[in-house]
Amino acid sequence: SMAVFTLIVLLVFPIIARWFFKNVEDKISQYIFVIVMIYMA
């Protein structure tokens, strides 16, 4: 479970975040996205 958790957060999260920041320019949405990433992790 720790290995799966580490792989998801350190490998999958950056891919999702990079796509989001490239496609969403709204600053409020970007901040909310960061908060969601904290809670998800």
All heavy atoms as atom14 arrays in JSON, in Angstrom:
{
  "sequence": "SMAVFTLIVLLVFPIIARWFFKNVEDKISQYIFVIVMIYMA",
  "atom14_mask": [
    [1, 1, 1, 1, 1, 1, 0, 0, 0, 0, 0, 0, 0, 0],
    [1, 1, 1, 1, 1, 1, 1, 1, 0, 0, 0, 0, 0, 0],
    [1, 1, 1, 1, 1, 0, 0, 0, 0, 0, 0, 0, 0, 0],
    [1, 1, 1, 1, 1, 1, 1, 0, 0, 0, 0, 0, 0, 0],
    [1, 1, 1, 1, 1, 1, 1, 1, 1, 1, 1, 0, 0, 0],
    [1, 1, 1, 1, 1, 1, 1, 0, 0, 0, 0, 0, 0, 0],
    [1, 1, 1, 1, 1, 1, 1, 1, 0, 0, 0, 0, 0, 0],
    [1, 1, 1, 1, 1, 1, 1, 1, 0, 0, 0, 0, 0, 0],
    [1, 1, 1, 1, 1, 1, 1, 0, 0, 0, 0, 0, 0, 0],
    [1, 1, 1, 1, 1, 1, 1, 1, 0, 0, 0, 0, 0, 0],
    [1, 1, 1, 1, 1, 1, 1, 1, 0, 0, 0, 0, 0, 0],
    [1, 1, 1, 1, 1, 1, 1, 0, 0, 0, 0, 0, 0, 0],
    [1, 1, 1, 1, 1, 1, 1, 1, 1, 1, 1, 0, 0, 0],
    [1, 1, 1, 1, 1, 1, 1, 0, 0, 0, 0, 0, 0, 0],
    [1, 1, 1, 1, 1, 1, 1, 1, 0, 0, 0, 0, 0, 0],
    [1, 1, 1, 1, 1, 1, 1, 1, 0, 0, 0, 0, 0, 0],
    [1, 1, 1, 1, 1, 0, 0, 0, 0, 0, 0, 0, 0, 0],
    [1, 1, 1, 1, 1, 1, 1, 1, 1, 1, 1, 0, 0, 0],
    [1, 1, 1, 1, 1, 1, 1, 1, 1, 1, 1, 1, 1, 1],
    [1, 1, 1, 1, 1, 1, 1, 1, 1, 1, 1, 0, 0, 0],
    [1, 1, 1, 1, 1, 1, 1, 1, 1, 1, 1, 0, 0, 0],
    [1, 1, 1, 1, 1, 1, 1, 1, 1, 0, 0, 0, 0, 0],
    [1, 1, 1, 1, 1, 1, 1, 1, 0, 0, 0, 0, 0, 0],
    [1, 1, 1, 1, 1, 1, 1, 0, 0, 0, 0, 0, 0, 0],
    [1, 1, 1, 1, 1, 1, 1, 1, 1, 0, 0, 0, 0, 0],
    [1, 1, 1, 1, 1, 1, 1, 1, 0, 0, 0, 0, 0, 0],
    [1, 1, 1, 1, 1, 1, 1, 1, 1, 0, 0, 0, 0, 0],
    [1, 1, 1, 1, 1, 1, 1, 1, 0, 0, 0, 0, 0, 0],
    [1, 1, 1, 1, 1, 1, 0, 0, 0, 0, 0, 0, 0, 0],
    [1, 1, 1, 1, 1, 1, 1, 1, 1, 0, 0, 0, 0, 0],
    [1, 1, 1, 1, 1, 1, 1, 1, 1, 1, 1, 1, 0, 0],
    [1, 1, 1, 1, 1, 1, 1, 1, 0, 0, 0, 0, 0, 0],
    [1, 1, 1, 1, 1, 1, 1, 1, 1, 1, 1, 0, 0, 0],
    [1, 1, 1, 1, 1, 1, 1, 0, 0, 0, 0, 0, 0, 0],
    [1, 1, 1, 1, 1, 1, 1, 1, 0, 0, 0, 0, 0, 0],
    [1, 1, 1, 1, 1, 1, 1, 0, 0, 0, 0, 0, 0, 0],
    [1, 1, 1, 1, 1, 1, 1, 1, 0, 0, 0, 0, 0, 0],
    [1, 1, 1, 1, 1, 1, 1, 1, 0, 0, 0, 0, 0, 0],
    [1, 1, 1, 1, 1, 1, 1, 1, 1, 1, 1, 1, 0, 0],
    [1, 1, 1, 1, 1, 1, 1, 1, 0, 0, 0, 0, 0, 0],
    [1, 1, 1, 1, 1, 0, 0, 0, 0, 0, 0, 0, 0, 0]
  ],
  "atom14_positions": [
    [[0.83, -1.21, 0.0], [0.0, 0.0, 0.0], [0.86, 1.26, 0.0], [0.53, 2.24, -0.68], [-0.94, -0.01, 1.21], [-0.21, -0.02, 2.43], [0.0, 0.0, 0.0], [0.0, 0.0, 0.0], [0.0, 0.0, 0.0], [0.0, 0.0, 0.0], [0.0, 0.0, 0.0], [0.0, 0.0, 0.0], [0.0, 0.0, 0.0], [0.0, 0.0, 0.0]],
    [[1.98, 1.24, 0.74], [2.88, 2.41, 0.74], [3.53, 2.6, -0.62], [3.69, 3.74, -1.09], [3.95, 2.25, 1.82], [3.45, 2.51, 3.22], [4.81, 2.69, 4.39], [5.64, 4.13, 3.76], [0.0, 0.0, 0.0], [0.0, 0.0, 0.0], [0.0, 0.0, 0.0], [0.0, 0.0, 0.0], [0.0, 0.0, 0.0], [0.0, 0.0, 0.0]],
    [[3.91, 1.51, -1.27], [4.52, 1.61, -2.6], [3.53, 2.18, -3.61], [3.88, 3.07, -4.41], [5.0, 0.24, -3.06], [0.0, 0.0, 0.0], [0.0, 0.0, 0.0], [0.0, 0.0, 0.0], [0.0, 0.0, 0.0], [0.0, 0.0, 0.0], [0.0, 0.0, 0.0], [0.0, 0.0, 0.0], [0.0, 0.0, 0.0], [0.0, 0.0, 0.0]],
    [[2.29, 1.7, -3.58], [1.27, 2.2, -4.49], [0.99, 3.68, -4.23], [0.9, 4.49, -5.16], [-0.04, 1.38, -4.36], [-1.17, 2.03, -5.15], [0.18, -0.05, -4.82], [0.0, 0.0, 0.0], [0.0, 0.0, 0.0], [0.0, 0.0, 0.0], [0.0, 0.0, 0.0], [0.0, 0.0, 0.0], [0.0, 0.0, 0.0], [0.0, 0.0, 0.0]],
    [[0.89, 4.05, -2.94], [0.66, 5.45, -2.57], [1.78, 6.35, -3.1], [1.52, 7.4, -3.71], [0.57, 5.57, -1.05], [0.9, 6.94, -0.51], [0.0, 7.98, -0.64], [2.13, 7.17, 0.09], [0.32, 9.25, -0.16], [2.45, 8.43, 0.58], [1.54, 9.47, 0.45], [0.0, 0.0, 0.0], [0.0, 0.0, 0.0], [0.0, 0.0, 0.0]],
    [[3.02, 5.93, -2.9], [4.17, 6.73, -3.34], [4.18, 6.91, -4.85], [4.4, 8.02, -5.37], [5.48, 6.08, -2.88], [5.47, 5.92, -1.46], [6.68, 6.93, -3.27], [0.0, 0.0, 0.0], [0.0, 0.0, 0.0], [0.0, 0.0, 0.0], [0.0, 0.0, 0.0], [0.0, 0.0, 0.0], [0.0, 0.0, 0.0], [0.0, 0.0, 0.0]],
    [[3.91, 5.84, -5.59], [3.92, 5.91, -7.05], [2.81, 6.83, -7.56], [3.03, 7.63, -8.47], [3.75, 4.51, -7.64], [4.95, 3.57, -7.47], [4.59, 2.16, -7.96], [6.16, 4.09, -8.23], [0.0, 0.0, 0.0], [0.0, 0.0, 0.0], [0.0, 0.0, 0.0], [0.0, 0.0, 0.0], [0.0, 0.0, 0.0], [0.0, 0.0, 0.0]],
    [[1.62, 6.72, -6.97], [0.5, 7.55, -7.42], [0.79, 9.03, -7.19], [0.63, 9.87, -8.08], [-0.8, 7.15, -6.7], [-1.27, 5.76, -7.17], [-1.91, 8.18, -6.97], [-2.48, 5.25, -6.43], [0.0, 0.0, 0.0], [0.0, 0.0, 0.0], [0.0, 0.0, 0.0], [0.0, 0.0, 0.0], [0.0, 0.0, 0.0], [0.0, 0.0, 0.0]],
    [[1.25, 9.37, -5.97], [1.45, 10.79, -5.64], [2.64, 11.39, -6.39], [2.55, 12.5, -6.93], [1.62, 10.97, -4.12], [1.94, 12.42, -3.78], [0.36, 10.54, -3.39], [0.0, 0.0, 0.0], [0.0, 0.0, 0.0], [0.0, 0.0, 0.0], [0.0, 0.0, 0.0], [0.0, 0.0, 0.0], [0.0, 0.0, 0.0], [0.0, 0.0, 0.0]],
    [[3.75, 10.68, -6.45], [4.96, 11.25, -7.03], [5.03, 11.12, -8.55], [5.77, 11.87, -9.2], [6.21, 10.61, -6.41], [6.42, 10.88, -4.91], [7.74, 10.29, -4.45], [6.37, 12.37, -4.6], [0.0, 0.0, 0.0], [0.0, 0.0, 0.0], [0.0, 0.0, 0.0], [0.0, 0.0, 0.0], [0.0, 0.0, 0.0], [0.0, 0.0, 0.0]],
    [[4.27, 10.2, -9.14], [4.3, 10.03, -10.59], [3.02, 10.49, -11.28], [3.08, 11.17, -12.3], [4.57, 8.55, -10.94], [5.92, 7.98, -10.5], [6.07, 6.53, -10.95], [7.08, 8.81, -11.04], [0.0, 0.0, 0.0], [0.0, 0.0, 0.0], [0.0, 0.0, 0.0], [0.0, 0.0, 0.0], [0.0, 0.0, 0.0], [0.0, 0.0, 0.0]],
    [[1.87, 10.13, -10.74], [0.6, 10.46, -11.39], [0.19, 11.91, -11.11], [-0.27, 12.63, -12.02], [-0.51, 9.49, -10.95], [-1.84, 9.86, -11.61], [-0.14, 8.05, -11.31], [0.0, 0.0, 0.0], [0.0, 0.0, 0.0], [0.0, 0.0, 0.0], [0.0, 0.0, 0.0], [0.0, 0.0, 0.0], [0.0, 0.0, 0.0], [0.0, 0.0, 0.0]],
    [[0.34, 12.36, -9.87], [-0.05, 13.73, -9.51], [0.63, 14.79, -10.4], [-0.03, 15.73, -10.87], [0.24, 14.01, -8.04], [-0.87, 13.58, -7.12], [-1.67, 12.49, -7.41], [-1.13, 14.28, -5.94], [-2.69, 12.09, -6.57], [-2.16, 13.89, -5.08], [-2.94, 12.79, -5.4], [0.0, 0.0, 0.0], [0.0, 0.0, 0.0], [0.0, 0.0, 0.0]],
    [[1.96, 14.7, -10.65], [2.58, 15.72, -11.51], [2.03, 15.72, -12.93], [1.9, 16.79, -13.55], [4.06, 15.31, -11.5], [4.25, 14.57, -10.23], [2.97, 13.82, -10.03], [0.0, 0.0, 0.0], [0.0, 0.0, 0.0], [0.0, 0.0, 0.0], [0.0, 0.0, 0.0], [0.0, 0.0, 0.0], [0.0, 0.0, 0.0], [0.0, 0.0, 0.0]],
    [[1.68, 14.55, -13.45], [1.11, 14.49, -14.81], [-0.23, 15.21, -14.85], [-0.51, 16.01, -15.75], [0.96, 13.01, -15.25], [2.34, 12.35, -15.37], [0.2, 12.93, -16.58], [2.28, 10.86, -15.64], [0.0, 0.0, 0.0], [0.0, 0.0, 0.0], [0.0, 0.0, 0.0], [0.0, 0.0, 0.0], [0.0, 0.0, 0.0], [0.0, 0.0, 0.0]],
    [[-1.08, 14.93, -13.85], [-2.39, 15.58, -13.77], [-2.23, 17.09, -13.6], [-2.89, 17.89, -14.26], [-3.22, 15.0, -12.61], [-3.5, 13.51, -12.84], [-4.52, 15.77, -12.43], [-4.14, 12.82, -11.65], [0.0, 0.0, 0.0], [0.0, 0.0, 0.0], [0.0, 0.0, 0.0], [0.0, 0.0, 0.0], [0.0, 0.0, 0.0], [0.0, 0.0, 0.0]],
    [[-1.34, 17.48, -12.71], [-1.14, 18.91, -12.42], [-0.59, 19.65, -13.63], [-1.02, 20.78, -13.93], [-0.21, 19.07, -11.23], [0.0, 0.0, 0.0], [0.0, 0.0, 0.0], [0.0, 0.0, 0.0], [0.0, 0.0, 0.0], [0.0, 0.0, 0.0], [0.0, 0.0, 0.0], [0.0, 0.0, 0.0], [0.0, 0.0, 0.0], [0.0, 0.0, 0.0]],
    [[0.38, 19.04, -14.33], [0.94, 19.71, -15.51], [-0.15, 19.92, -16.57], [-0.23, 20.99, -17.18], [2.1, 18.89, -16.07], [2.8, 19.55, -17.25], [4.1, 18.86, -17.62], [5.17, 19.24, -16.69], [5.67, 18.44, -15.77], [5.2, 17.22, -15.62], [6.63, 18.86, -14.96], [0.0, 0.0, 0.0], [0.0, 0.0, 0.0], [0.0, 0.0, 0.0]],
    [[-0.99, 18.91, -16.8], [-2.09, 19.06, -17.76], [-3.03, 20.17, -17.31], [-3.47, 21.0, -18.12], [-2.85, 17.74, -17.88], [-4.07, 17.85, -18.75], [-4.14, 17.68, -20.11], [-5.4, 18.2, -18.32], [-5.42, 17.89, -20.56], [-6.22, 18.22, -19.49], [-5.98, 18.48, -17.09], [-7.58, 18.51, -19.44], [-7.33, 18.79, -17.04], [-8.11, 18.8, -18.2]],
    [[-3.34, 20.22, -16.03], [-4.28, 21.21, -15.51], [-3.74, 22.63, -15.69], [-4.44, 23.52, -16.19], [-4.57, 20.94, -14.03], [-5.64, 21.82, -13.45], [-6.97, 21.44, -13.49], [-5.33, 23.04, -12.86], [-7.96, 22.26, -12.96], [-6.3, 23.86, -12.32], [-7.63, 23.46, -12.38], [0.0, 0.0, 0.0], [0.0, 0.0, 0.0], [0.0, 0.0, 0.0]],
    [[-2.48, 22.86, -15.31], [-1.91, 24.2, -15.39], [-1.73, 24.65, -16.85], [-1.75, 25.85, -17.14], [-0.57, 24.26, -14.66], [-0.7, 24.15, -13.17], [0.2, 23.39, -12.43], [-1.72, 24.8, -12.49], [0.08, 23.28, -11.04], [-1.85, 24.7, -11.11], [-0.94, 23.94, -10.39], [0.0, 0.0, 0.0], [0.0, 0.0, 0.0], [0.0, 0.0, 0.0]],
    [[-1.56, 23.7, -17.77], [-1.44, 24.05, -19.19], [-2.78, 24.43, -19.8], [-2.83, 25.21, -20.75], [-0.83, 22.87, -19.98], [0.66, 22.68, -19.73], [1.17, 21.37, -20.31], [1.23, 21.4, -21.8], [1.89, 20.18, -22.35], [0.0, 0.0, 0.0], [0.0, 0.0, 0.0], [0.0, 0.0, 0.0], [0.0, 0.0, 0.0], [0.0, 0.0, 0.0]],
    [[-3.86, 23.9, -19.25], [-5.16, 24.09, -19.87], [-6.11, 25.02, -19.11], [-7.11, 25.46, -19.67], [-5.85, 22.73, -20.06], [-5.15, 21.87, -21.1], [-5.35, 22.05, -22.29], [-4.31, 20.95, -20.65], [0.0, 0.0, 0.0], [0.0, 0.0, 0.0], [0.0, 0.0, 0.0], [0.0, 0.0, 0.0], [0.0, 0.0, 0.0], [0.0, 0.0, 0.0]],
    [[-5.82, 25.29, -17.84], [-6.69, 26.14, -17.04], [-5.9, 27.36, -16.57], [-4.93, 27.22, -15.82], [-7.27, 25.39, -15.82], [-8.14, 26.31, -14.99], [-8.07, 24.18, -16.28], [0.0, 0.0, 0.0], [0.0, 0.0, 0.0], [0.0, 0.0, 0.0], [0.0, 0.0, 0.0], [0.0, 0.0, 0.0], [0.0, 0.0, 0.0], [0.0, 0.0, 0.0]],
    [[-6.29, 28.54, -17.01], [-5.56, 29.76, -16.67], [-6.17, 30.51, -15.5], [-5.53, 31.4, -14.94], [-5.5, 30.68, -17.9], [-4.73, 30.09, -19.07], [-4.65, 31.05, -20.25], [-5.23, 32.15, -20.15], [-4.0, 30.7, -21.25], [0.0, 0.0, 0.0], [0.0, 0.0, 0.0], [0.0, 0.0, 0.0], [0.0, 0.0, 0.0], [0.0, 0.0, 0.0]],
    [[-7.41, 30.18, -15.13], [-8.08, 30.89, -14.04], [-7.33, 30.68, -12.72], [-7.11, 29.54, -12.3], [-9.52, 30.4, -13.9], [-10.26, 31.12, -12.78], [-10.5, 32.33, -12.92], [-10.58, 30.46, -11.77], [0.0, 0.0, 0.0], [0.0, 0.0, 0.0], [0.0, 0.0, 0.0], [0.0, 0.0, 0.0], [0.0, 0.0, 0.0], [0.0, 0.0, 0.0]],
    [[-6.93, 31.78, -12.07], [-6.09, 31.7, -10.88], [-6.81, 31.07, -9.69], [-6.21, 30.33, -8.9], [-5.58, 33.09, -10.5], [-4.84, 33.8, -11.62], [-3.68, 32.98, -12.16], [-2.96, 33.7, -13.28], [-1.92, 32.84, -13.9], [0.0, 0.0, 0.0], [0.0, 0.0, 0.0], [0.0, 0.0, 0.0], [0.0, 0.0, 0.0], [0.0, 0.0, 0.0]],
    [[-8.1, 31.36, -9.54], [-8.85, 30.79, -8.43], [-8.97, 29.28, -8.61], [-8.79, 28.51, -7.65], [-10.24, 31.44, -8.33], [-10.1, 32.93, -8.0], [-11.1, 30.74, -7.27], [-11.4, 33.69, -7.99], [0.0, 0.0, 0.0], [0.0, 0.0, 0.0], [0.0, 0.0, 0.0], [0.0, 0.0, 0.0], [0.0, 0.0, 0.0], [0.0, 0.0, 0.0]],
    [[-9.25, 28.85, -9.83], [-9.35, 27.41, -10.1], [-8.01, 26.71, -9.83], [-7.98, 25.59, -9.32], [-9.77, 27.18, -11.56], [-11.04, 27.71, -11.8], [0.0, 0.0, 0.0], [0.0, 0.0, 0.0], [0.0, 0.0, 0.0], [0.0, 0.0, 0.0], [0.0, 0.0, 0.0], [0.0, 0.0, 0.0], [0.0, 0.0, 0.0], [0.0, 0.0, 0.0]],
    [[-6.91, 27.38, -10.16], [-5.6, 26.79, -9.91], [-5.36, 26.6, -8.41], [-4.84, 25.56, -7.98], [-4.5, 27.67, -10.51], [-4.46, 27.63, -12.03], [-3.32, 28.46, -12.6], [-2.63, 29.19, -11.88], [-3.09, 28.35, -13.9], [0.0, 0.0, 0.0], [0.0, 0.0, 0.0], [0.0, 0.0, 0.0], [0.0, 0.0, 0.0], [0.0, 0.0, 0.0]],
    [[-5.77, 27.6, -7.61], [-5.57, 27.47, -6.16], [-6.44, 26.36, -5.59], [-5.98, 25.56, -4.76], [-5.88, 28.79, -5.45], [-5.71, 28.67, -3.95], [-4.44, 28.68, -3.39], [-6.8, 28.47, -3.11], [-4.27, 28.52, -2.03], [-6.64, 28.31, -1.76], [-5.37, 28.34, -1.22], [-5.2, 28.15, 0.13], [0.0, 0.0, 0.0], [0.0, 0.0, 0.0]],
    [[-7.7, 26.29, -6.01], [-8.6, 25.22, -5.54], [-8.03, 23.85, -5.92], [-8.1, 22.9, -5.13], [-10.01, 25.41, -6.12], [-10.65, 26.69, -5.55], [-10.9, 24.2, -5.83], [-11.97, 27.05, -6.18], [0.0, 0.0, 0.0], [0.0, 0.0, 0.0], [0.0, 0.0, 0.0], [0.0, 0.0, 0.0], [0.0, 0.0, 0.0], [0.0, 0.0, 0.0]],
    [[-7.46, 23.76, -7.12], [-6.84, 22.51, -7.55], [-5.71, 22.1, -6.59], [-5.58, 20.91, -6.24], [-6.29, 22.68, -8.97], [-5.49, 21.51, -9.46], [-6.13, 20.38, -9.96], [-4.11, 21.53, -9.43], [-5.4, 19.29, -10.41], [-3.37, 20.45, -9.88], [-4.02, 19.33, -10.37], [0.0, 0.0, 0.0], [0.0, 0.0, 0.0], [0.0, 0.0, 0.0]],
    [[-4.9, 23.06, -6.16], [-3.81, 22.76, -5.22], [-4.36, 22.21, -3.91], [-3.86, 21.22, -3.36], [-2.96, 24.03, -4.96], [-1.97, 23.79, -3.83], [-2.21, 24.43, -6.23], [0.0, 0.0, 0.0], [0.0, 0.0, 0.0], [0.0, 0.0, 0.0], [0.0, 0.0, 0.0], [0.0, 0.0, 0.0], [0.0, 0.0, 0.0], [0.0, 0.0, 0.0]],
    [[-5.43, 22.84, -3.39], [-6.04, 22.36, -2.15], [-6.56, 20.93, -2.32], [-6.39, 20.08, -1.44], [-7.19, 23.3, -1.71], [-6.65, 24.69, -1.37], [-7.94, 22.72, -0.52], [-5.75, 24.72, -0.16], [0.0, 0.0, 0.0], [0.0, 0.0, 0.0], [0.0, 0.0, 0.0], [0.0, 0.0, 0.0], [0.0, 0.0, 0.0], [0.0, 0.0, 0.0]],
    [[-7.2, 20.68, -3.46], [-7.71, 19.32, -3.73], [-6.57, 18.3, -3.75], [-6.7, 17.19, -3.22], [-8.49, 19.3, -5.06], [-8.83, 17.87, -5.46], [-9.77, 20.12, -4.94], [0.0, 0.0, 0.0], [0.0, 0.0, 0.0], [0.0, 0.0, 0.0], [0.0, 0.0, 0.0], [0.0, 0.0, 0.0], [0.0, 0.0, 0.0], [0.0, 0.0, 0.0]],
    [[-5.43, 18.68, -4.34], [-4.28, 17.77, -4.38], [-3.78, 17.45, -2.97], [-3.38, 16.31, -2.69], [-3.15, 18.41, -5.19], [-3.39, 18.46, -6.69], [-3.35, 16.84, -7.5], [-5.11, 16.52, -7.65], [0.0, 0.0, 0.0], [0.0, 0.0, 0.0], [0.0, 0.0, 0.0], [0.0, 0.0, 0.0], [0.0, 0.0, 0.0], [0.0, 0.0, 0.0]],
    [[-3.8, 18.44, -2.08], [-3.36, 18.21, -0.7], [-4.28, 17.19, -0.02], [-3.83, 16.22, 0.6], [-3.34, 19.53, 0.1], [-2.36, 20.53, -0.51], [-2.99, 19.26, 1.57], [-2.41, 21.9, 0.13], [0.0, 0.0, 0.0], [0.0, 0.0, 0.0], [0.0, 0.0, 0.0], [0.0, 0.0, 0.0], [0.0, 0.0, 0.0], [0.0, 0.0, 0.0]],
    [[-5.58, 17.43, -0.15], [-6.55, 16.52, 0.49], [-6.51, 15.12, -0.12], [-6.62, 14.11, 0.58], [-7.97, 17.09, 0.37], [-8.32, 18.1, 1.43], [-8.74, 19.39, 1.08], [-8.25, 17.78, 2.77], [-9.06, 20.33, 2.06], [-8.58, 18.71, 3.75], [-8.98, 19.98, 3.39], [-9.3, 20.9, 4.36], [0.0, 0.0, 0.0], [0.0, 0.0, 0.0]],
    [[-6.35, 15.04, -1.44], [-6.29, 13.74, -2.11], [-5.08, 12.94, -1.64], [-5.17, 11.74, -1.36], [-6.24, 13.93, -3.62], [-7.57, 14.29, -4.26], [-8.77, 12.94, -4.12], [-7.99, 11.71, -5.14], [0.0, 0.0, 0.0], [0.0, 0.0, 0.0], [0.0, 0.0, 0.0], [0.0, 0.0, 0.0], [0.0, 0.0, 0.0], [0.0, 0.0, 0.0]],
    [[-3.94, 13.62, -1.54], [-2.73, 12.93, -1.08], [-2.88, 12.49, 0.37], [-2.44, 11.39, 0.75], [-1.51, 13.86, -1.22], [0.0, 0.0, 0.0], [0.0, 0.0, 0.0], [0.0, 0.0, 0.0], [0.0, 0.0, 0.0], [0.0, 0.0, 0.0], [0.0, 0.0, 0.0], [0.0, 0.0, 0.0], [0.0, 0.0, 0.0], [0.0, 0.0, 0.0]]
  ]
}
